[in-house]
Amino acid sequence: MGQYKEPEHTWEHQHAVLRIPAILVLINILRREFSPSHLQGRTGTTANYMIQTSADGVLPHWNQSSDCRLNEQAGPHLKSTKALVTGGGGYFGYNLGCALTKLGITVVLFDIQKPKWEVPNGAIYFQGDVRDCKAVFQACGGVDCVFHAASYGMSGLDQLQKKEQIESINVNGTKVVIDVCKQRNIPRLIYTSTVNVVFGGNPIEEGDEETVPYFPLEKQVNHYSRTKAMADQMILAADGTPLKGGDKLHTCVLRPPGIYGPEEQKHLPRVLMNIQRGLFNFKFGNPKAQMNWVHVGNLVQAHLLAAEALTPEKGYIASGQAYYIHDGENVIFSEWITPLFEKLGYSRPWIRIPAFLVYIAATVTEYLCLALKPVFSFTPFLTRNEVWNIAVTHTFRIDKACNQLGYCPKKFALADSVDHYLQTRPKCQDHHKFLKIWLVLGTCLCLIFFVLLS
């Protein structure tokens, strides 16, 4: 049974912490941020940035045995001729679309931006906004299964955008998708949610779908998690809704943690940049805090199985259900990213500072980011939500997905994704050095001021 605990991170018990080490850490950050090795790293120059795909458009770095197993598990019973993937131009949506085409299913990759990779045979790219009912309706012609993976505001700078913009995409866009499914008589809708719908900074140990409630919307520190929770509930509430043709809509929700894999553009590049800047030279929070991650291949597998589990052949077992999906391992973040430190030639983090100091720094950076937005845009090193994601234990059980969907996560190594990224990453350039210097100095001075007052 999952255990949902009250917050353990309080400010008062941290006041006895020595202030000098924290200030030294800030000095170390400045030194590393503007050292000559910052822009080039310690592994020498890298090759020019190139993205290559195989002839059918599937990323060549996937383990092929995994692809074959996906076909065996989900192909014969998927019972679909045409599927639509919202967010099909993004990393996960594109990979899901490729896997569907390999099963012989016609795929519509629906997104406002075209994929960076070649559109595979058997798929078409449809440019459109998920909030545009007419565009979604047109794209869903002949579709019998929708994978709703489009979202906005997941991490970094996107997480700090206007509340209305994030909500219009994540909530209003979801409403549009549900309405179109009703109008188009589409019987299956699978939603890509997130563990953040239940996690907001309170420890969760081995949480499951039945015992861990939604985190209170009014207490969420970021609009992304709040709006994803709203959409999560909308999808589940839509299960069983009558369709225009007389059938019923069957829905389910998959809740993954952070996604990694070859060509991933959200998490790995930011972590690498922060390591080079010296921002991850320290540890914070509970040293034994654990979390989960999911490889894109495993997440694709779960979506295919979920679509299969919404068919009459499977007794609609997934109808109206939510599932946690990850690699089946609990990891400590600082240990999990060790391959990245090793490949870059950096030593592992050894300085420990209180989590509340990092939280304050993230808060100050967020406000600076918003204040400077009209003049200069930059990505925060960490947001407040990301601080708790690293500092506080939040692990989940996947028993339900394994038992009901037949989900069986394959073993993947982060080191493989790191190797691929380092071989293909673009050369790091710094066109705003003066502004960066001012920004980092201002952030550190504000942080020091808060430390001295605490």
Protein backbone atom coordinates (compact mmCIF):
# COMPACT_ATOMS: atom_id res chain seq x y z
CA MET A 1 0.00 0.00 0.00
CA GLY A 2 1.27 3.46 -0.78
CA GLN A 3 2.13 5.82 2.01
CA TYR A 4 1.20 9.47 1.60
CA LYS A 5 3.10 11.55 4.13
CA GLU A 6 2.83 15.12 5.27
CA PRO A 7 5.69 17.45 4.28
CA GLU A 8 8.96 16.93 6.04
CA HIS A 9 10.73 19.93 4.52
CA THR A 10 10.30 22.87 6.89
CA TRP A 11 12.29 26.06 7.09
CA GLU A 12 12.63 26.43 10.83
CA HIS A 13 14.77 23.40 11.59
CA GLN A 14 17.29 24.48 8.93
CA HIS A 15 18.34 27.73 10.61
CA ALA A 16 21.22 26.19 12.49
CA VAL A 17 22.99 25.31 9.25
CA LEU A 18 26.32 27.03 8.76
CA ARG A 19 26.15 29.83 6.21
CA ILE A 20 29.77 29.99 5.13
CA PRO A 21 29.76 26.69 3.15
CA ALA A 22 26.71 27.85 1.19
CA ILE A 23 28.45 31.12 0.23
CA LEU A 24 31.54 29.18 -0.82
CA VAL A 25 29.35 27.07 -3.05
CA LEU A 26 28.04 30.24 -4.72
CA ILE A 27 31.57 31.42 -5.36
CA ASN A 28 32.36 28.04 -6.86
CA ILE A 29 29.31 28.36 -9.13
CA LEU A 30 30.53 31.75 -10.40
CA ARG A 31 34.01 30.40 -10.99
CA ARG A 32 32.76 27.46 -12.99
CA GLU A 33 30.09 29.43 -14.87
CA PHE A 34 32.62 31.67 -16.53
CA SER A 35 35.70 29.46 -16.65
CA PRO A 36 37.20 28.76 -20.10
CA SER A 37 36.16 25.13 -19.88
CA HIS A 38 32.51 26.05 -19.41
CA LEU A 39 31.73 26.43 -23.07
CA GLN A 40 33.81 23.55 -24.36
CA GLY A 41 33.41 20.99 -21.59
CA ARG A 42 36.21 18.60 -20.66
CA THR A 43 35.78 16.08 -23.38
CA GLY A 44 37.08 18.20 -26.22
CA THR A 45 35.17 19.36 -29.27
CA THR A 46 32.10 17.56 -30.53
CA ALA A 47 30.91 16.67 -33.97
CA ASN A 48 28.48 18.86 -35.82
CA TYR A 49 24.90 18.34 -34.80
CA MET A 50 23.14 15.82 -37.02
CA ILE A 51 19.94 13.88 -36.53
CA GLN A 52 19.72 10.69 -38.56
CA THR A 53 16.84 8.30 -38.93
CA SER A 54 16.49 4.94 -40.57
CA ALA A 55 14.58 4.54 -43.80
CA ASP A 56 11.23 4.03 -42.08
CA GLY A 57 11.74 7.00 -39.77
CA VAL A 58 12.25 5.04 -36.55
CA LEU A 59 15.12 6.24 -34.38
CA PRO A 60 18.02 3.87 -35.08
CA HIS A 61 19.25 3.89 -31.50
CA TRP A 62 16.33 1.90 -30.15
CA ASN A 63 17.08 -1.64 -29.14
CA GLN A 64 15.61 -3.65 -32.01
CA SER A 65 14.73 -6.64 -29.83
CA SER A 66 12.52 -4.31 -27.82
CA ASP A 67 10.71 -3.21 -30.98
CA CYS A 68 10.07 -6.83 -31.96
CA ARG A 69 8.69 -7.62 -28.53
CA LEU A 70 6.33 -4.67 -28.79
CA ASN A 71 4.95 -6.11 -32.00
CA GLU A 72 4.40 -9.50 -30.41
CA GLN A 73 2.70 -8.10 -27.32
CA ALA A 74 0.38 -5.45 -28.70
CA GLY A 75 0.15 -5.90 -32.45
CA PRO A 76 -2.34 -8.79 -32.90
CA HIS A 77 -4.97 -7.29 -30.57
CA LEU A 78 -4.59 -3.55 -31.10
CA LYS A 79 -7.58 -3.62 -33.49
CA SER A 80 -6.83 -0.25 -35.00
CA THR A 81 -6.53 0.90 -38.60
CA LYS A 82 -5.84 4.58 -38.02
CA ALA A 83 -4.65 6.39 -34.89
CA LEU A 84 -4.01 10.02 -34.05
CA VAL A 85 -1.22 11.20 -31.75
CA THR A 86 -1.55 14.73 -30.39
CA GLY A 87 1.88 16.17 -29.70
CA GLY A 88 3.13 13.93 -32.49
CA GLY A 89 5.88 16.40 -33.35
CA GLY A 90 7.47 16.02 -29.92
CA TYR A 91 9.93 13.44 -28.69
CA PHE A 92 7.55 10.93 -27.14
CA GLY A 93 4.69 11.49 -29.56
CA TYR A 94 6.96 10.92 -32.54
CA ASN A 95 8.39 7.71 -31.11
CA LEU A 96 4.90 6.43 -30.34
CA GLY A 97 3.83 7.23 -33.89
CA CYS A 98 6.79 5.31 -35.30
CA ALA A 99 5.95 2.26 -33.20
CA LEU A 100 2.33 2.36 -34.40
CA THR A 101 3.38 2.47 -38.06
CA LYS A 102 5.52 -0.61 -37.50
CA LEU A 103 2.33 -2.40 -36.45
CA GLY A 104 0.78 -1.52 -39.80
CA ILE A 105 -1.41 1.26 -38.39
CA THR A 106 -1.88 4.53 -40.28
CA VAL A 107 -0.84 7.38 -37.98
CA VAL A 108 -1.65 11.08 -37.89
CA LEU A 109 1.07 13.07 -36.09
CA PHE A 110 -0.86 16.14 -34.94
CA ASP A 111 1.17 19.09 -33.67
CA ILE A 112 1.81 22.79 -34.19
CA GLN A 113 5.42 22.00 -35.14
CA LYS A 114 6.68 19.36 -37.52
CA PRO A 115 8.89 16.60 -36.01
CA LYS A 116 12.64 17.16 -36.18
CA TRP A 117 12.93 13.68 -37.60
CA GLU A 118 11.74 12.21 -40.87
CA VAL A 119 8.04 11.34 -40.88
CA PRO A 120 7.95 7.54 -41.26
CA ASN A 121 6.14 5.63 -43.97
CA GLY A 122 2.58 5.03 -42.90
CA ALA A 123 2.34 8.33 -41.03
CA ILE A 124 1.28 11.83 -42.02
CA TYR A 125 2.01 15.09 -40.28
CA PHE A 126 -1.00 17.32 -39.65
CA GLN A 127 -0.19 20.84 -38.51
CA GLY A 128 -2.71 22.13 -36.02
CA ASP A 129 -3.33 23.45 -32.52
CA VAL A 130 -4.95 21.07 -30.05
CA ARG A 131 -7.16 23.96 -28.94
CA ASP A 132 -8.57 24.33 -32.45
CA CYS A 133 -11.69 22.15 -32.57
CA LYS A 134 -11.99 22.36 -36.36
CA ALA A 135 -8.38 21.28 -36.89
CA VAL A 136 -8.64 18.36 -34.46
CA PHE A 137 -11.97 17.30 -36.00
CA GLN A 138 -10.48 17.35 -39.49
CA ALA A 139 -7.38 15.41 -38.41
CA CYS A 140 -9.51 12.70 -36.78
CA GLY A 141 -11.24 11.61 -39.97
CA GLY A 142 -11.27 7.79 -40.01
CA VAL A 143 -9.43 7.55 -36.68
CA ASP A 144 -10.46 4.84 -34.22
CA CYS A 145 -7.95 5.50 -31.42
CA VAL A 146 -6.51 8.75 -30.05
CA PHE A 147 -3.32 9.09 -28.01
CA HIS A 148 -3.42 12.49 -26.34
CA ALA A 149 0.20 13.37 -25.54
CA ALA A 150 0.18 17.11 -26.27
CA SER A 151 0.93 19.38 -23.32
CA TYR A 152 2.78 22.56 -22.44
CA GLY A 153 4.83 23.88 -19.52
CA MET A 154 6.55 20.68 -18.45
CA SER A 155 9.95 22.01 -17.40
CA GLY A 156 12.39 24.90 -17.42
CA LEU A 157 11.36 28.14 -19.07
CA ASP A 158 8.07 26.68 -20.35
CA GLN A 159 6.97 26.10 -16.76
CA LEU A 160 7.06 29.85 -16.10
CA GLN A 161 4.80 30.92 -18.95
CA LYS A 162 1.46 32.60 -18.34
CA LYS A 163 -1.08 30.60 -16.40
CA GLU A 164 -3.71 31.18 -19.08
CA GLN A 165 -1.48 29.84 -21.86
CA ILE A 166 -0.61 26.63 -20.03
CA GLU A 167 -4.21 26.06 -18.99
CA SER A 168 -5.61 26.72 -22.44
CA ILE A 169 -3.42 23.97 -23.93
CA ASN A 170 -3.51 21.38 -21.16
CA VAL A 171 -7.12 21.79 -20.06
CA ASN A 172 -9.03 23.38 -22.93
CA GLY A 173 -7.10 21.28 -25.44
CA THR A 174 -8.06 18.12 -23.57
CA LYS A 175 -11.71 19.16 -23.63
CA VAL A 176 -11.48 19.63 -27.39
CA VAL A 177 -9.99 16.15 -27.83
CA ILE A 178 -12.76 14.57 -25.74
CA ASP A 179 -15.47 16.43 -27.65
CA VAL A 180 -14.04 15.42 -31.02
CA CYS A 181 -13.89 11.78 -29.93
CA LYS A 182 -17.62 12.00 -29.19
CA GLN A 183 -18.40 13.68 -32.51
CA ARG A 184 -16.19 11.39 -34.57
CA ASN A 185 -17.39 8.23 -32.77
CA ILE A 186 -13.83 7.36 -31.67
CA PRO A 187 -14.09 4.65 -28.97
CA ARG A 188 -10.59 4.81 -27.42
CA LEU A 189 -8.68 7.68 -25.83
CA ILE A 190 -5.35 7.22 -24.00
CA TYR A 191 -3.96 10.20 -22.12
CA THR A 192 -0.28 10.78 -21.27
CA SER A 193 -0.42 12.31 -17.80
CA THR A 194 2.36 12.66 -15.18
CA VAL A 195 3.15 11.59 -11.62
CA ASN A 196 3.01 15.28 -10.74
CA VAL A 197 -0.77 15.07 -10.56
CA VAL A 198 -0.29 13.44 -7.15
CA PHE A 199 3.15 14.79 -6.20
CA GLY A 200 3.67 18.36 -5.07
CA GLY A 201 6.54 18.15 -2.59
CA ASN A 202 5.18 15.66 -0.06
CA PRO A 203 7.05 12.34 0.24
CA ILE A 204 5.37 9.36 -1.43
CA GLU A 205 6.82 5.90 -0.93
CA GLU A 206 5.68 3.11 -3.25
CA GLY A 207 2.44 4.92 -4.02
CA ASP A 208 -0.28 3.15 -5.95
CA GLU A 209 -3.29 4.27 -7.93
CA GLU A 210 -5.84 3.48 -5.22
CA THR A 211 -4.28 5.02 -2.12
CA VAL A 212 -2.55 8.22 -3.27
CA PRO A 213 -4.97 11.10 -3.93
CA TYR A 214 -4.53 14.02 -6.28
CA PHE A 215 -2.33 16.72 -4.82
CA PRO A 216 -4.53 19.72 -3.93
CA LEU A 217 -4.73 21.97 -6.98
CA GLU A 218 -4.46 25.17 -4.94
CA LYS A 219 -1.17 24.00 -3.38
CA GLN A 220 0.62 23.16 -6.63
CA VAL A 221 3.57 25.54 -7.14
CA ASN A 222 3.43 25.31 -10.93
CA HIS A 223 0.67 25.61 -13.49
CA TYR A 224 1.79 22.54 -15.43
CA SER A 225 1.16 20.06 -12.62
CA ARG A 226 -2.12 21.73 -11.69
CA THR A 227 -3.48 21.72 -15.23
CA LYS A 228 -2.29 18.17 -15.91
CA ALA A 229 -4.21 17.05 -12.81
CA MET A 230 -7.31 18.78 -14.13
CA ALA A 231 -6.93 17.10 -17.53
CA ASP A 232 -6.20 13.74 -15.88
CA GLN A 233 -9.53 13.93 -14.05
CA MET A 234 -11.37 15.08 -17.18
CA ILE A 235 -10.15 12.06 -19.14
CA LEU A 236 -11.17 9.59 -16.44
CA ALA A 237 -14.56 11.29 -16.01
CA ALA A 238 -15.17 10.97 -19.77
CA ASP A 239 -14.97 7.18 -19.63
CA GLY A 240 -18.30 5.63 -20.54
CA THR A 241 -19.57 8.77 -22.27
CA PRO A 242 -22.00 7.97 -25.10
CA LEU A 243 -20.63 8.55 -28.60
CA LYS A 244 -22.56 10.06 -31.48
CA GLY A 245 -22.79 6.66 -33.17
CA GLY A 246 -24.24 4.96 -30.11
CA ASP A 247 -21.12 3.30 -28.68
CA LYS A 248 -19.25 4.40 -25.57
CA LEU A 249 -15.96 6.22 -25.14
CA HIS A 250 -13.34 4.19 -23.27
CA THR A 251 -10.49 6.18 -21.70
CA CYS A 252 -7.45 5.54 -19.55
CA VAL A 253 -4.56 7.56 -18.12
CA LEU A 254 -0.84 6.74 -17.98
CA ARG A 255 1.28 8.60 -15.43
CA PRO A 256 5.01 8.52 -16.21
CA PRO A 257 7.83 10.32 -14.35
CA GLY A 258 10.68 11.99 -16.27
CA ILE A 259 11.38 10.53 -19.73
CA TYR A 260 14.84 9.76 -21.09
CA GLY A 261 16.26 8.09 -24.17
CA PRO A 262 18.22 8.84 -27.35
CA GLU A 263 17.42 12.23 -28.90
CA GLU A 264 15.54 13.39 -25.76
CA GLN A 265 15.66 17.20 -25.67
CA LYS A 266 14.14 18.24 -22.33
CA HIS A 267 15.90 16.68 -19.37
CA LEU A 268 19.34 15.44 -20.41
CA PRO A 269 20.56 18.65 -22.12
CA ARG A 270 19.57 20.79 -19.12
CA VAL A 271 21.26 18.46 -16.65
CA LEU A 272 24.42 18.43 -18.77
CA MET A 273 24.48 22.23 -19.01
CA ASN A 274 24.04 22.62 -15.26
CA ILE A 275 26.82 20.14 -14.58
CA GLN A 276 29.16 22.15 -16.79
CA ARG A 277 28.19 25.33 -14.95
CA GLY A 278 28.95 23.73 -11.60
CA LEU A 279 25.34 23.93 -10.43
CA PHE A 280 25.19 20.19 -9.77
CA ASN A 281 28.45 20.08 -7.84
CA PHE A 282 26.43 19.88 -4.67
CA LYS A 283 23.76 17.65 -3.21
CA PHE A 284 20.66 18.83 -1.44
CA GLY A 285 17.67 17.36 0.29
CA ASN A 286 17.40 13.88 1.74
CA PRO A 287 20.53 11.94 0.63
CA LYS A 288 18.37 8.81 0.33
CA ALA A 289 15.52 10.48 -1.58
CA GLN A 290 14.40 8.25 -4.44
CA MET A 291 12.48 8.76 -7.66
CA ASN A 292 11.56 6.93 -10.85
CA TRP A 293 12.40 7.46 -14.52
CA VAL A 294 11.05 5.89 -17.70
CA HIS A 295 12.79 5.13 -20.98
CA VAL A 296 10.87 6.23 -24.05
CA GLY A 297 10.77 2.62 -25.27
CA ASN A 298 9.04 1.45 -22.11
CA LEU A 299 6.57 4.33 -22.22
CA VAL A 300 5.70 3.51 -25.83
CA GLN A 301 5.16 -0.12 -24.85
CA ALA A 302 2.75 0.95 -22.09
CA HIS A 303 0.69 3.08 -24.49
CA LEU A 304 0.35 0.28 -27.01
CA LEU A 305 -0.74 -2.12 -24.30
CA ALA A 306 -3.21 0.43 -22.93
CA ALA A 307 -4.81 0.79 -26.37
CA GLU A 308 -5.08 -2.98 -26.56
CA ALA A 309 -6.65 -3.09 -23.07
CA LEU A 310 -9.46 -0.78 -24.22
CA THR A 311 -10.75 -3.31 -26.75
CA PRO A 312 -13.65 -5.75 -26.25
CA GLU A 313 -11.18 -8.62 -26.80
CA LYS A 314 -9.50 -7.56 -23.54
CA GLY A 315 -12.79 -6.89 -21.78
CA TYR A 316 -12.11 -3.13 -21.65
CA ILE A 317 -9.99 -3.85 -18.59
CA ALA A 318 -8.25 -0.44 -18.75
CA SER A 319 -11.46 1.53 -19.17
CA GLY A 320 -11.58 4.39 -16.66
CA GLN A 321 -8.26 3.38 -15.10
CA ALA A 322 -5.02 5.21 -14.27
CA TYR A 323 -1.60 3.54 -14.33
CA TYR A 324 1.85 4.55 -13.09
CA ILE A 325 4.49 3.71 -15.69
CA HIS A 326 8.27 3.65 -15.21
CA ASP A 327 11.36 1.45 -15.62
CA GLY A 328 10.59 -0.60 -12.50
CA GLU A 329 13.46 0.89 -10.49
CA ASN A 330 13.76 3.40 -7.66
CA VAL A 331 16.86 5.56 -8.04
CA ILE A 332 18.67 8.35 -6.22
CA PHE A 333 19.04 11.21 -8.69
CA SER A 334 22.69 12.04 -7.92
CA GLU A 335 23.62 8.38 -8.41
CA TRP A 336 21.42 7.84 -11.44
CA ILE A 337 23.13 10.64 -13.40
CA THR A 338 26.64 9.41 -12.48
CA PRO A 339 27.28 8.29 -16.10
CA LEU A 340 26.83 11.89 -17.20
CA PHE A 341 29.48 13.12 -14.76
CA GLU A 342 31.83 10.34 -15.81
CA LYS A 343 31.40 10.93 -19.54
CA LEU A 344 32.03 14.66 -19.07
CA GLY A 345 35.08 14.07 -16.91
CA TYR A 346 33.65 15.74 -13.80
CA SER A 347 33.77 14.41 -10.27
CA ARG A 348 30.51 13.38 -8.63
CA PRO A 349 28.71 15.89 -6.36
CA TRP A 350 30.25 16.04 -2.90
CA ILE A 351 29.08 19.33 -1.32
CA ARG A 352 25.80 19.12 0.59
CA ILE A 353 23.65 22.15 1.29
CA PRO A 354 20.12 22.48 2.72
CA ALA A 355 17.29 22.01 0.27
CA PHE A 356 15.61 25.22 1.37
CA LEU A 357 18.60 27.27 0.12
CA VAL A 358 18.26 25.69 -3.31
CA TYR A 359 14.52 26.30 -3.18
CA ILE A 360 15.15 29.99 -2.41
CA ALA A 361 17.63 30.21 -5.29
CA ALA A 362 15.09 28.61 -7.63
CA THR A 363 12.42 31.04 -6.44
CA VAL A 364 14.68 34.06 -7.02
CA THR A 365 15.67 32.74 -10.44
CA GLU A 366 12.04 32.27 -11.42
CA TYR A 367 11.22 35.88 -10.52
CA LEU A 368 14.31 37.15 -12.34
CA CYS A 369 13.33 35.12 -15.37
CA LEU A 370 9.88 36.70 -15.42
CA ALA A 371 11.23 40.20 -14.75
CA LEU A 372 13.81 39.99 -17.56
CA LYS A 373 11.50 38.25 -20.01
CA PRO A 374 10.80 41.42 -22.07
CA VAL A 375 14.54 41.96 -22.60
CA PHE A 376 16.28 38.61 -22.24
CA SER A 377 14.99 35.05 -22.09
CA PHE A 378 16.90 32.33 -20.27
CA THR A 379 16.17 28.88 -18.84
CA PRO A 380 16.28 28.63 -15.01
CA PHE A 381 18.82 26.16 -13.67
CA LEU A 382 16.01 24.63 -11.60
CA THR A 383 12.42 25.57 -10.90
CA ARG A 384 10.83 25.17 -7.46
CA ASN A 385 8.93 22.13 -8.62
CA GLU A 386 12.11 20.55 -9.95
CA VAL A 387 13.87 21.13 -6.62
CA TRP A 388 11.31 18.99 -4.80
CA ASN A 389 11.42 16.41 -7.58
CA ILE A 390 15.09 15.87 -6.75
CA ALA A 391 15.06 16.46 -2.99
CA VAL A 392 11.95 14.54 -1.91
CA THR A 393 11.20 10.83 -2.27
CA HIS A 394 8.34 10.03 -4.63
CA THR A 395 8.24 6.47 -5.89
CA PHE A 396 5.35 4.48 -7.33
CA ARG A 397 4.34 0.89 -7.89
CA ILE A 398 3.70 -0.43 -11.38
CA ASP A 399 1.99 -3.65 -10.28
CA LYS A 400 -1.36 -2.55 -11.66
CA ALA A 401 0.06 -1.88 -15.13
CA CYS A 402 1.93 -5.17 -15.08
CA ASN A 403 -1.08 -7.21 -13.98
CA GLN A 404 -3.80 -5.55 -16.05
CA LEU A 405 -1.91 -4.38 -19.15
CA GLY A 406 0.83 -6.98 -19.29
CA TYR A 407 3.40 -4.19 -18.98
CA CYS A 408 6.95 -5.53 -18.67
CA PRO A 409 9.59 -2.78 -18.67
CA LYS A 410 12.78 -3.55 -20.50
CA LYS A 411 16.13 -2.76 -18.92
CA PHE A 412 17.79 0.34 -20.38
CA ALA A 413 20.97 2.13 -19.37
CA LEU A 414 21.21 5.91 -19.07
CA ALA A 415 24.84 5.64 -20.17
CA ASP A 416 23.72 4.67 -23.68
CA SER A 417 21.58 7.80 -24.00
CA VAL A 418 24.45 9.90 -22.62
CA ASP A 419 26.87 8.49 -25.19
CA HIS A 420 24.48 9.27 -28.02
CA TYR A 421 23.80 12.78 -26.78
CA LEU A 422 27.48 13.65 -26.39
CA GLN A 423 28.16 12.43 -29.92
CA THR A 424 25.37 14.48 -31.49
CA ARG A 425 25.02 17.58 -29.31
CA PRO A 426 25.57 20.96 -30.96
CA LYS A 427 28.58 23.05 -30.14
CA CYS A 428 27.86 25.17 -27.11
CA GLN A 429 27.77 28.87 -27.86
CA ASP A 430 27.35 31.85 -25.60
CA HIS A 431 25.89 34.92 -27.31
CA HIS A 432 24.80 36.69 -24.12
CA LYS A 433 27.80 36.45 -21.85
CA PHE A 434 27.42 39.92 -20.38
CA LEU A 435 23.76 39.36 -19.51
CA LYS A 436 24.54 35.95 -18.09
CA ILE A 437 27.25 37.43 -15.87
CA TRP A 438 24.84 40.07 -14.60
CA LEU A 439 22.11 37.52 -14.10
CA VAL A 440 24.22 35.03 -12.16
CA LEU A 441 25.77 37.76 -10.03
CA GLY A 442 22.35 39.20 -9.24
CA THR A 443 20.96 35.79 -8.38
CA CYS A 444 23.86 34.95 -6.10
CA LEU A 445 23.73 38.30 -4.34
CA CYS A 446 20.03 37.83 -3.67
CA LEU A 447 20.65 34.32 -2.43
CA ILE A 448 23.41 35.50 -0.09
CA PHE A 449 21.07 38.17 1.23
CA PHE A 450 18.42 35.55 2.02
CA VAL A 451 21.03 33.30 3.66
CA LEU A 452 22.25 36.08 5.94
CA LEU A 453 18.72 36.95 6.97
CA SER A 454 17.75 33.34 7.74
